[in-house]
Protein backbone atom coordinates (compact mmCIF):
# COMPACT_ATOMS: atom_id res chain seq x y z
CA MET A 1 43.79 -28.74 -4.06
CA GLY A 2 43.04 -25.39 -5.66
CA LEU A 3 39.31 -26.08 -5.50
CA ILE A 4 39.45 -26.88 -1.79
CA LYS A 5 41.49 -23.72 -1.17
CA GLU A 6 38.90 -21.57 -2.97
CA LEU A 7 36.10 -23.29 -1.04
CA ILE A 8 37.82 -22.52 2.27
CA LYS A 9 38.24 -18.88 1.21
CA GLY A 10 34.55 -18.63 0.39
CA LEU A 11 33.48 -20.26 3.65
CA ARG A 12 35.75 -17.88 5.53
CA VAL A 13 33.76 -14.93 4.18
CA THR A 14 30.44 -16.65 4.90
CA GLY A 15 31.51 -17.75 8.37
CA GLY A 16 32.85 -14.31 9.26
CA THR A 17 29.62 -12.66 8.19
CA MET A 18 27.60 -15.20 10.20
CA ILE A 19 29.64 -14.59 13.33
CA ARG A 20 29.39 -10.81 13.02
CA THR A 21 25.64 -11.12 12.47
CA ILE A 22 25.21 -13.30 15.55
CA ALA A 23 27.27 -10.82 17.55
CA GLY A 24 25.02 -8.01 16.34
CA ASP A 25 27.65 -6.05 14.43
CA GLU A 26 25.98 -6.62 11.05
CA LEU A 27 22.47 -7.50 12.18
CA VAL A 28 19.97 -6.17 9.68
CA THR A 29 16.93 -8.20 10.66
CA THR A 30 14.10 -6.23 12.26
CA GLN A 31 12.60 -8.03 15.25
CA TYR A 32 9.04 -7.75 13.92
CA PRO A 33 6.51 -7.22 15.45
CA LYS A 34 8.34 -5.90 18.51
CA GLU A 35 10.23 -3.55 16.22
CA GLN A 36 8.56 -1.94 13.22
CA ARG A 37 10.53 -0.07 10.60
CA VAL A 38 9.68 3.49 9.67
CA LYS A 39 7.72 3.48 6.42
CA PRO A 40 8.86 5.57 3.45
CA GLN A 41 6.89 8.78 2.95
CA ARG A 42 5.24 7.44 -0.21
CA PHE A 43 4.51 3.96 1.13
CA HIS A 44 1.37 2.39 -0.37
CA GLY A 45 -0.67 0.93 2.47
CA ARG A 46 -4.34 0.49 3.26
CA HIS A 47 -6.79 2.81 1.54
CA VAL A 48 -8.74 5.60 3.23
CA LEU A 49 -11.83 7.50 2.09
CA ASN A 50 -11.46 11.14 3.13
CA ARG A 51 -13.76 13.95 4.20
CA TYR A 52 -13.46 17.70 3.87
CA PRO A 53 -12.65 19.65 7.04
CA ASP A 54 -16.36 20.49 7.39
CA GLY A 55 -17.17 16.77 7.53
CA MET A 56 -18.62 16.31 4.05
CA GLU A 57 -17.47 13.28 2.08
CA LYS A 58 -15.03 13.92 -0.74
CA CYS A 59 -16.20 10.99 -2.85
CA ILE A 60 -18.69 12.01 -5.55
CA GLY A 61 -19.34 8.51 -6.87
CA CYS A 62 -17.80 9.20 -10.30
CA GLU A 63 -16.26 5.69 -10.48
CA LEU A 64 -13.02 6.97 -12.04
CA CYS A 65 -11.02 5.03 -9.46
CA ALA A 66 -12.78 1.81 -10.45
CA GLY A 67 -12.14 2.53 -14.13
CA ALA A 68 -8.44 3.19 -13.54
CA CYS A 69 -7.88 0.09 -11.38
CA PRO A 70 -5.86 -2.49 -13.38
CA ALA A 71 -6.88 -5.27 -10.99
CA GLN A 72 -10.59 -4.40 -11.14
CA CYS A 73 -10.79 -4.64 -7.36
CA ILE A 74 -12.86 -1.47 -6.76
CA TYR A 75 -16.65 -1.34 -6.97
CA VAL A 76 -18.45 2.00 -6.69
CA ARG A 77 -22.08 2.96 -7.02
CA GLY A 78 -23.12 6.60 -6.95
CA MET A 79 -26.36 8.10 -5.74
CA ASP A 80 -27.91 11.55 -6.06
CA ASN A 81 -27.44 13.83 -3.07
CA ASP A 82 -30.41 14.88 -1.00
CA PRO A 83 -30.70 18.63 -1.71
CA GLU A 84 -31.79 19.25 1.86
CA SER A 85 -28.99 17.24 3.44
CA PRO A 86 -26.18 16.56 0.92
CA THR A 87 -23.50 14.00 1.71
CA SER A 88 -20.91 15.50 -0.62
CA PRO A 89 -20.51 18.90 -2.32
CA GLY A 90 -21.36 17.45 -5.74
CA GLU A 91 -24.60 16.25 -7.26
CA ARG A 92 -23.80 12.66 -6.31
CA PHE A 93 -21.93 10.77 -3.63
CA GLY A 94 -20.43 7.30 -3.29
CA PHE A 95 -23.36 5.27 -1.96
CA VAL A 96 -21.48 1.95 -2.24
CA TYR A 97 -17.69 1.72 -2.11
CA GLU A 98 -15.86 -1.61 -1.89
CA ILE A 99 -12.24 -2.63 -2.35
CA ASN A 100 -11.26 -6.29 -2.62
CA LEU A 101 -7.78 -6.31 -1.10
CA LEU A 102 -7.20 -9.87 -2.26
CA ARG A 103 -7.01 -8.48 -5.79
CA CYS A 104 -5.51 -5.05 -5.05
CA ILE A 105 -1.89 -4.60 -6.19
CA PHE A 106 -1.45 -1.33 -4.24
CA CYS A 107 -0.34 0.57 -7.34
CA GLY A 108 -2.00 3.85 -6.31
CA LEU A 109 -3.65 4.49 -9.68
CA CYS A 110 -6.98 4.98 -7.92
CA VAL A 111 -5.41 7.86 -5.98
CA GLU A 112 -4.12 9.48 -9.15
CA ALA A 113 -7.46 9.10 -10.94
CA CYS A 114 -9.59 10.64 -8.19
CA PRO A 115 -10.58 14.24 -9.05
CA THR A 116 -11.58 15.15 -5.48
CA GLU A 117 -8.76 13.56 -3.43
CA ALA A 118 -11.35 11.25 -1.92
CA ILE A 119 -9.23 8.10 -1.81
CA THR A 120 -5.68 8.04 -0.49
CA MET A 121 -3.34 5.39 0.86
CA SER A 122 -2.06 5.21 4.42
CA HIS A 123 1.05 3.55 5.89
CA LEU A 124 -0.81 0.60 7.42
CA PHE A 125 -0.12 -2.80 5.90
CA GLU A 126 -1.05 -5.23 8.70
CA ILE A 127 -4.26 -6.33 6.97
CA SER A 128 -3.92 -10.11 6.73
CA THR A 129 -7.04 -12.17 7.42
CA THR A 130 -8.06 -15.80 7.74
CA ASN A 131 -11.38 -15.22 5.99
CA ARG A 132 -11.75 -14.11 2.38
CA SER A 133 -14.81 -12.01 3.12
CA ASP A 134 -12.83 -9.96 5.67
CA ALA A 135 -10.55 -8.79 2.85
CA ILE A 136 -13.41 -6.92 1.17
CA TYR A 137 -13.37 -3.45 2.68
CA THR A 138 -16.64 -1.54 2.50
CA LYS A 139 -17.35 2.16 2.80
CA GLU A 140 -18.04 1.75 6.53
CA THR A 141 -14.49 0.47 7.01
CA LEU A 142 -12.75 2.85 4.63
CA LEU A 143 -14.43 6.19 5.40
CA MET A 144 -12.99 8.37 8.16
CA ASP A 145 -15.48 9.78 10.63
CA ARG A 146 -16.25 13.49 10.95
CA GLY A 147 -13.42 13.86 13.42
CA GLY A 148 -10.93 12.44 10.95
CA ASN A 149 -10.50 9.10 12.71
CA VAL A 150 -10.05 6.18 10.33
CA PRO A 151 -11.68 2.88 11.32
CA HIS A 152 -9.90 -0.46 11.21
CA MET A 153 -11.72 -3.67 10.41
CA PHE A 154 -10.01 -5.30 13.40
CA PRO A 155 -9.57 -2.59 16.06
CA ASP A 156 -8.15 -5.13 18.52
CA GLU A 157 -5.40 -6.22 16.12
CA LYS A 158 -2.25 -6.37 18.28
CA LEU A 159 0.23 -6.17 15.40
CA ALA A 160 -1.30 -3.12 13.72
CA ASP A 161 -0.11 0.39 14.50
CA LEU A 162 -3.41 2.20 14.04
CA ASP A 163 -1.64 5.56 14.02
CA GLU A 164 -0.38 4.62 10.55
CA LEU A 165 -3.92 5.05 9.28
CA ASP A 166 -3.54 8.76 10.02
CA ALA A 167 -0.39 9.14 7.90
CA ALA A 168 -0.95 11.43 4.91
CA ASP A 169 -0.49 9.87 1.50
CA GLY A 170 3.04 10.74 0.44
CA TRP A 171 2.16 10.79 -3.27
CA LEU A 172 -0.27 13.63 -2.60
CA ARG A 173 2.50 15.59 -0.89
CA ALA A 174 4.68 15.48 -4.00
CA THR A 175 6.36 18.83 -4.52
CA ALA A 176 6.21 18.91 -8.32
CA PRO A 177 3.09 17.30 -9.82
CA SER A 178 3.71 15.95 -13.32
CA GLY A 179 7.34 16.97 -12.96
CA VAL A 180 6.64 20.71 -13.23
CA ALA A 181 9.31 22.37 -11.09
CA ALA A 182 7.28 25.57 -10.79
CA TYR A 183 4.97 23.77 -8.34
CA GLU A 184 7.79 22.69 -6.02
CA GLY A 185 6.98 23.51 -2.41
CA LEU A 186 3.38 24.54 -3.12
CA LYS A 187 0.56 22.86 -1.25
CA MET A 188 -1.59 21.19 -3.89
CA TRP A 189 -4.03 19.18 -1.77
CA ARG A 190 -6.77 20.09 0.65
CA ASN A 191 -6.81 19.11 4.31
CA THR A 192 -8.92 16.48 6.01
CA PRO A 193 -10.42 16.67 9.53
CA GLY A 194 -7.84 14.22 10.89
CA PRO A 195 -4.28 14.74 12.14
CA ALA A 196 -2.68 13.95 8.76
CA GLU A 197 -0.19 16.58 7.60
CA TRP A 198 -0.78 17.58 3.95
CA ASP A 199 1.93 20.21 3.61
CA PRO A 200 4.28 19.54 0.67
CA GLU A 201 7.23 17.32 1.38
CA PRO A 202 10.63 19.06 1.66
CA ASN A 203 12.70 19.51 -1.48
CA GLN A 204 15.75 17.34 -2.11
CA GLU A 205 18.22 19.86 -0.66
CA GLU A 206 16.30 20.02 2.62
CA ARG A 207 16.06 16.23 2.81
CA ASP A 208 19.79 15.87 2.14
CA ARG A 209 20.54 18.48 4.81
CA SER A 210 18.34 16.70 7.34
CA SER A 211 19.99 13.39 6.49
CA ARG A 212 23.46 14.88 7.03
CA ASP A 213 22.38 16.43 10.32
CA ARG A 214 21.04 13.10 11.58
CA SER A 215 24.23 11.34 10.49
CA GLY A 216 26.32 13.93 12.30
CA SER A 217 24.32 13.64 15.51
CA ASP A 218 24.51 9.84 15.42
CA GLY A 219 28.25 9.99 14.93
C-alpha cells in the first residue's frame, strides 16, 4: 500500500507539471523554426574569414589555425603576394582555405591561434546538408566581400537567419584577454568592413545592471 501511495504522489507531480506545460504556464519549448532563441554573445557558430576595413584580406596563409585544430578539419595553402597588387598586408595570403564542418567540433582554437584575427566564428548554426561535399566550406564561401557581407553556401535557406553571419565573435570582444584585468574595457581587435560591432563587451557590473533593469521593466 505504501508503494502505491508513493507512486500516486510521484504521478501527481508529473501530472501537474504536464498540465501546466500544456496550459503554457511552464512551457519552455521554443517553437523552432518560427521562434529562434537569442544566441549567447560567445556562441560558436559558422566560421568567417575577415577583411580589413580597406578591403584587404586578413589571412596571411600561415597555417597556424590548421596546426591548432584538434580535429584536423582545416586545410590552408599560402601563396606569395603580388607586389603590384597584394591580397593581404603580409608577404603571403591564404590561397586555399577549406574547413570540413563534418569534422569541426566548434572549439574556437583556430580563432585563438590566428595572429591576424582573420578567422572568427559567427552566430549562425543552421548549416545542415544532405550532401557530404556541401559540408566542406571553401574560401569563396567563408570570405566576406569588400563590403563586409558574408556569403552563405545556401542563400535561399529558409531556416537560416543570415544576419547571424554578421554577429561579431564574442570571444574576440572579451574584456580581459588571458585574464589580465588591466585590459578590461579596452578594444583589443580591429574592425572589419561589415556591420559587426567589435567594441569590448560590457563588464560584469554593467551586465548585471542591464539584467536587473530588464527584469524590472518586465515585472
